[in-house]
Amino acid sequence: MSVPADSASGRTGGDDLAERVSRARARQADRQRRGLVRASDNAEASLNELERIAALDASSNRMLESAFLHLGLSARSYVRVLRVARTIADLDDSDRVSEAHVAEAICYRTVASEQRSPGPVVPSPFVASDHPKSADRSVTSQRPQTNGTESKKERKPT
């Protein structure tokens, strides 16, 4: 049974997946052998190395900047998106990270952010006065206020 091609990238699944992953790993190892990066794979590459090996063109760079401005992603997310985009390009046997690779990486980052975001805030079933410790707080709040000049021994209990 064959898996249909992904409409955006034209990639197919199934049988050629292992071959594509093997080629992508070989590309990453080749970059290390040629001295382009110290890291053996994209996951270990530094930001400077990623920016050098991604070789973003102007439109890809604009897309990445726009996504971070509009989506409010962090600097850490920038590195992750760039790393994923470089890996997607490796899976496509591409020397350069294209606008399509950046767009796909941003989509993955956006989905990952949505999955980690907390759900709606659910109010506590306890109202402050119903909470077991609220009785202790009410006793504390009924103590007389002092002006701070009395010592503990001089204070008279109420």
C-alpha atoms as a PDB file:
ATOM      1  CA  MET A   1       0.000   0.000   0.000  1.00  0.00           C
ATOM      2  CA  SER A   2       1.485   3.370  -0.901  1.00  0.00           C
ATOM      3  CA  VAL A   3       0.965   6.576   1.002  1.00  0.00           C
ATOM      4  CA  PRO A   4      -0.158   9.545  -1.109  1.00  0.00           C
ATOM      5  CA  ALA A   5       2.227  12.428  -1.612  1.00  0.00           C
ATOM      6  CA  ASP A   6       1.984  15.382   0.711  1.00  0.00           C
ATOM      7  CA  SER A   7       0.403  18.117  -1.393  1.00  0.00           C
ATOM      8  CA  ALA A   8       2.692  20.915  -0.132  1.00  0.00           C
ATOM      9  CA  SER A   9       6.070  19.248  -0.515  1.00  0.00           C
ATOM     10  CA  GLY A  10       5.413  16.427  -2.963  1.00  0.00           C
ATOM     11  CA  ARG A  11       7.039  13.978  -0.559  1.00  0.00           C
ATOM     12  CA  THR A  12       5.701  10.493  -0.179  1.00  0.00           C
ATOM     13  CA  GLY A  13       5.576   8.349   2.910  1.00  0.00           C
ATOM     14  CA  GLY A  14       6.071   4.669   3.466  1.00  0.00           C
ATOM     15  CA  ASP A  15       8.924   2.906   1.665  1.00  0.00           C
ATOM     16  CA  ASP A  16      11.133   5.871   0.886  1.00  0.00           C
ATOM     17  CA  LEU A  17      10.982   7.384   4.378  1.00  0.00           C
ATOM     18  CA  ALA A  18      13.910   5.358   5.709  1.00  0.00           C
ATOM     19  CA  GLU A  19      15.913   6.202   2.592  1.00  0.00           C
ATOM     20  CA  ARG A  20      15.192   9.930   2.959  1.00  0.00           C
ATOM     21  CA  VAL A  21      16.172   9.892   6.643  1.00  0.00           C
ATOM     22  CA  SER A  22      19.384   8.037   5.815  1.00  0.00           C
ATOM     23  CA  ARG A  23      20.276  10.597   3.111  1.00  0.00           C
ATOM     24  CA  ALA A  24      19.463  13.497   5.476  1.00  0.00           C
ATOM     25  CA  ARG A  25      21.750  12.061   8.161  1.00  0.00           C
ATOM     26  CA  ALA A  26      24.483  11.554   5.575  1.00  0.00           C
ATOM     27  CA  ARG A  27      24.134  15.218   4.496  1.00  0.00           C
ATOM     28  CA  GLN A  28      24.486  16.341   8.109  1.00  0.00           C
ATOM     29  CA  ALA A  29      27.530  14.134   8.699  1.00  0.00           C
ATOM     30  CA  ASP A  30      29.056  15.386   5.439  1.00  0.00           C
ATOM     31  CA  ARG A  31      28.768  19.003   6.646  1.00  0.00           C
ATOM     32  CA  GLN A  32      30.697  18.028   9.758  1.00  0.00           C
ATOM     33  CA  ARG A  33      33.394  16.220   7.741  1.00  0.00           C
ATOM     34  CA  ARG A  34      33.814  19.273   5.505  1.00  0.00           C
ATOM     35  CA  GLY A  35      34.239  21.452   8.609  1.00  0.00           C
ATOM     36  CA  LEU A  36      31.097  23.538   8.057  1.00  0.00           C
ATOM     37  CA  VAL A  37      29.834  22.607  11.519  1.00  0.00           C
ATOM     38  CA  ARG A  38      31.252  20.983  14.624  1.00  0.00           C
ATOM     39  CA  ALA A  39      27.985  19.209  15.366  1.00  0.00           C
ATOM     40  CA  SER A  40      27.311  15.797  13.871  1.00  0.00           C
ATOM     41  CA  ASP A  41      23.650  16.637  13.283  1.00  0.00           C
ATOM     42  CA  ASN A  42      21.274  19.596  13.191  1.00  0.00           C
ATOM     43  CA  ALA A  43      20.087  18.965  16.739  1.00  0.00           C
ATOM     44  CA  GLU A  44      23.532  19.834  18.093  1.00  0.00           C
ATOM     45  CA  ALA A  45      24.341  22.766  15.801  1.00  0.00           C
ATOM     46  CA  SER A  46      24.801  26.210  17.340  1.00  0.00           C
ATOM     47  CA  LEU A  47      22.844  29.246  16.183  1.00  0.00           C
ATOM     48  CA  ASN A  48      25.829  30.556  14.197  1.00  0.00           C
ATOM     49  CA  GLU A  49      26.256  27.186  12.501  1.00  0.00           C
ATOM     50  CA  LEU A  50      22.538  26.932  11.736  1.00  0.00           C
ATOM     51  CA  GLU A  51      22.427  30.389  10.202  1.00  0.00           C
ATOM     52  CA  ARG A  52      25.454  29.560   8.055  1.00  0.00           C
ATOM     53  CA  ILE A  53      24.204  26.168   6.822  1.00  0.00           C
ATOM     54  CA  ALA A  54      20.591  27.262   6.378  1.00  0.00           C
ATOM     55  CA  ALA A  55      21.603  29.972   3.892  1.00  0.00           C
ATOM     56  CA  LEU A  56      18.177  31.626   3.969  1.00  0.00           C
ATOM     57  CA  ASP A  57      17.278  33.780   0.999  1.00  0.00           C
ATOM     58  CA  ALA A  58      15.597  37.166   1.510  1.00  0.00           C
ATOM     59  CA  SER A  59      12.024  35.866   1.230  1.00  0.00           C
ATOM     60  CA  SER A  60      12.647  32.994   3.671  1.00  0.00           C
ATOM     61  CA  ASN A  61      14.249  35.385   6.128  1.00  0.00           C
ATOM     62  CA  ARG A  62      11.302  37.818   5.859  1.00  0.00           C
ATOM     63  CA  MET A  63       8.858  34.968   6.433  1.00  0.00           C
ATOM     64  CA  LEU A  64      10.736  33.863   9.542  1.00  0.00           C
ATOM     65  CA  GLU A  65      10.920  37.399  10.942  1.00  0.00           C
ATOM     66  CA  SER A  66       7.237  38.004  10.209  1.00  0.00           C
ATOM     67  CA  ALA A  67       6.212  34.780  11.922  1.00  0.00           C
ATOM     68  CA  PHE A  68       8.077  35.733  15.069  1.00  0.00           C
ATOM     69  CA  LEU A  69       6.612  39.220  15.159  1.00  0.00           C
ATOM     70  CA  HIS A  70       3.048  38.048  14.566  1.00  0.00           C
ATOM     71  CA  LEU A  71       3.130  34.831  16.589  1.00  0.00           C
ATOM     72  CA  GLY A  72       5.125  36.232  19.498  1.00  0.00           C
ATOM     73  CA  LEU A  73       7.645  33.404  19.495  1.00  0.00           C
ATOM     74  CA  SER A  74      10.807  33.565  21.597  1.00  0.00           C
ATOM     75  CA  ALA A  75      14.461  33.673  20.557  1.00  0.00           C
ATOM     76  CA  ARG A  76      14.705  30.049  21.614  1.00  0.00           C
ATOM     77  CA  SER A  77      11.871  29.244  19.221  1.00  0.00           C
ATOM     78  CA  TYR A  78      13.800  30.987  16.434  1.00  0.00           C
ATOM     79  CA  VAL A  79      16.654  28.501  16.857  1.00  0.00           C
ATOM     80  CA  ARG A  80      14.265  25.578  16.957  1.00  0.00           C
ATOM     81  CA  VAL A  81      12.393  26.677  13.838  1.00  0.00           C
ATOM     82  CA  LEU A  82      15.660  27.212  11.982  1.00  0.00           C
ATOM     83  CA  ARG A  83      16.888  23.772  13.091  1.00  0.00           C
ATOM     84  CA  VAL A  84      13.679  22.080  11.948  1.00  0.00           C
ATOM     85  CA  ALA A  85      13.701  23.983   8.636  1.00  0.00           C
ATOM     86  CA  ARG A  86      17.303  22.839   7.996  1.00  0.00           C
ATOM     87  CA  THR A  87      16.272  19.250   8.758  1.00  0.00           C
ATOM     88  CA  ILE A  88      13.281  19.476   6.408  1.00  0.00           C
ATOM     89  CA  ALA A  89      15.601  20.783   3.692  1.00  0.00           C
ATOM     90  CA  ASP A  90      17.956  17.848   4.369  1.00  0.00           C
ATOM     91  CA  LEU A  91      15.043  15.444   3.969  1.00  0.00           C
ATOM     92  CA  ASP A  92      14.338  17.128   0.606  1.00  0.00           C
ATOM     93  CA  ASP A  93      18.024  16.801  -0.441  1.00  0.00           C
ATOM     94  CA  SER A  94      18.267  20.581  -0.611  1.00  0.00           C
ATOM     95  CA  ASP A  95      21.432  22.590  -0.009  1.00  0.00           C
ATOM     96  CA  ARG A  96      19.415  25.693   0.843  1.00  0.00           C
ATOM     97  CA  VAL A  97      16.505  26.175   3.199  1.00  0.00           C
ATOM     98  CA  SER A  98      13.638  27.429   1.054  1.00  0.00           C
ATOM     99  CA  GLU A  99      10.602  29.470   1.961  1.00  0.00           C
ATOM    100  CA  ALA A 100       8.534  26.250   1.882  1.00  0.00           C
ATOM    101  CA  HIS A 101      10.889  24.614   4.410  1.00  0.00           C
ATOM    102  CA  VAL A 102      10.614  27.630   6.729  1.00  0.00           C
ATOM    103  CA  ALA A 103       6.810  27.686   6.380  1.00  0.00           C
ATOM    104  CA  GLU A 104       6.575  23.984   7.246  1.00  0.00           C
ATOM    105  CA  ALA A 105       8.854  24.425  10.276  1.00  0.00           C
ATOM    106  CA  ILE A 106       6.774  27.381  11.496  1.00  0.00           C
ATOM    107  CA  CYS A 107       3.624  25.283  11.191  1.00  0.00           C
ATOM    108  CA  TYR A 108       5.176  22.545  13.319  1.00  0.00           C
ATOM    109  CA  ARG A 109       6.277  25.107  15.909  1.00  0.00           C
ATOM    110  CA  THR A 110       2.821  26.675  16.012  1.00  0.00           C
ATOM    111  CA  VAL A 111       1.142  23.290  16.480  1.00  0.00           C
ATOM    112  CA  ALA A 112       3.630  22.347  19.209  1.00  0.00           C
ATOM    113  CA  SER A 113       2.967  25.647  21.020  1.00  0.00           C
ATOM    114  CA  GLU A 114      -0.789  25.122  20.860  1.00  0.00           C
ATOM    115  CA  GLN A 115      -0.489  21.604  22.247  1.00  0.00           C
ATOM    116  CA  ARG A 116       1.569  22.808  25.228  1.00  0.00           C
ATOM    117  CA  SER A 117      -0.553  25.834  26.089  1.00  0.00           C
ATOM    118  CA  PRO A 118      -2.644  25.447  29.207  1.00  0.00           C
ATOM    119  CA  GLY A 119      -6.368  25.189  28.876  1.00  0.00           C
ATOM    120  CA  PRO A 120      -8.816  27.705  30.234  1.00  0.00           C
ATOM    121  CA  VAL A 121      -8.401  28.721  33.841  1.00  0.00           C
ATOM    122  CA  VAL A 122     -10.911  26.824  35.938  1.00  0.00           C
ATOM    123  CA  PRO A 123     -12.000  28.577  39.112  1.00  0.00           C
ATOM    124  CA  SER A 124     -11.371  26.785  42.354  1.00  0.00           C
ATOM    125  CA  PRO A 125     -14.384  25.026  43.834  1.00  0.00           C
ATOM    126  CA  PHE A 126     -13.502  26.632  47.176  1.00  0.00           C
ATOM    127  CA  VAL A 127     -14.661  30.123  47.983  1.00  0.00           C
ATOM    128  CA  ALA A 128     -12.146  31.753  50.329  1.00  0.00           C
ATOM    129  CA  SER A 129     -14.480  31.500  53.342  1.00  0.00           C
ATOM    130  CA  ASP A 130     -15.200  27.811  52.608  1.00  0.00           C
ATOM    131  CA  HIS A 131     -11.542  26.850  52.430  1.00  0.00           C
ATOM    132  CA  PRO A 132     -10.359  24.954  55.558  1.00  0.00           C
ATOM    133  CA  LYS A 133      -7.462  27.332  56.140  1.00  0.00           C
ATOM    134  CA  SER A 134      -9.590  30.446  55.789  1.00  0.00           C
ATOM    135  CA  ALA A 135     -10.710  30.076  59.407  1.00  0.00           C
ATOM    136  CA  ASP A 136      -7.084  30.441  60.494  1.00  0.00           C
ATOM    137  CA  ARG A 137      -6.753  33.563  58.376  1.00  0.00           C
ATOM    138  CA  SER A 138      -9.848  35.126  59.881  1.00  0.00           C
ATOM    139  CA  VAL A 139      -8.476  34.605  63.392  1.00  0.00           C
ATOM    140  CA  THR A 140      -5.175  36.161  62.350  1.00  0.00           C
ATOM    141  CA  SER A 141      -6.913  39.135  60.825  1.00  0.00           C
ATOM    142  CA  GLN A 142      -8.791  39.796  64.108  1.00  0.00           C
ATOM    143  CA  ARG A 143      -5.616  40.303  66.123  1.00  0.00           C
ATOM    144  CA  PRO A 144      -5.103  43.867  67.221  1.00  0.00           C
ATOM    145  CA  GLN A 145      -2.696  45.939  65.235  1.00  0.00           C
ATOM    146  CA  THR A 146       0.349  47.249  67.016  1.00  0.00           C
ATOM    147  CA  ASN A 147       2.485  50.205  66.149  1.00  0.00           C
ATOM    148  CA  GLY A 148       5.642  48.039  66.210  1.00  0.00           C
ATOM    149  CA  THR A 149       7.157  49.640  69.328  1.00  0.00           C
ATOM    150  CA  GLU A 150       5.989  46.964  71.753  1.00  0.00           C
ATOM    151  CA  SER A 151       8.042  43.848  72.333  1.00  0.00           C
ATOM    152  CA  LYS A 152       6.390  40.449  72.136  1.00  0.00           C
ATOM    153  CA  LYS A 153       6.376  40.152  75.936  1.00  0.00           C
ATOM    154  CA  GLU A 154       4.630  43.500  76.376  1.00  0.00           C
ATOM    155  CA  ARG A 155       1.736  42.635  74.094  1.00  0.00           C
ATOM    156  CA  LYS A 156      -1.360  41.613  75.920  1.00  0.00           C
ATOM    157  CA  PRO A 157      -3.524  38.897  74.444  1.00  0.00           C
ATOM    158  CA  THR A 158      -7.031  39.899  73.488  1.00  0.00           C
END
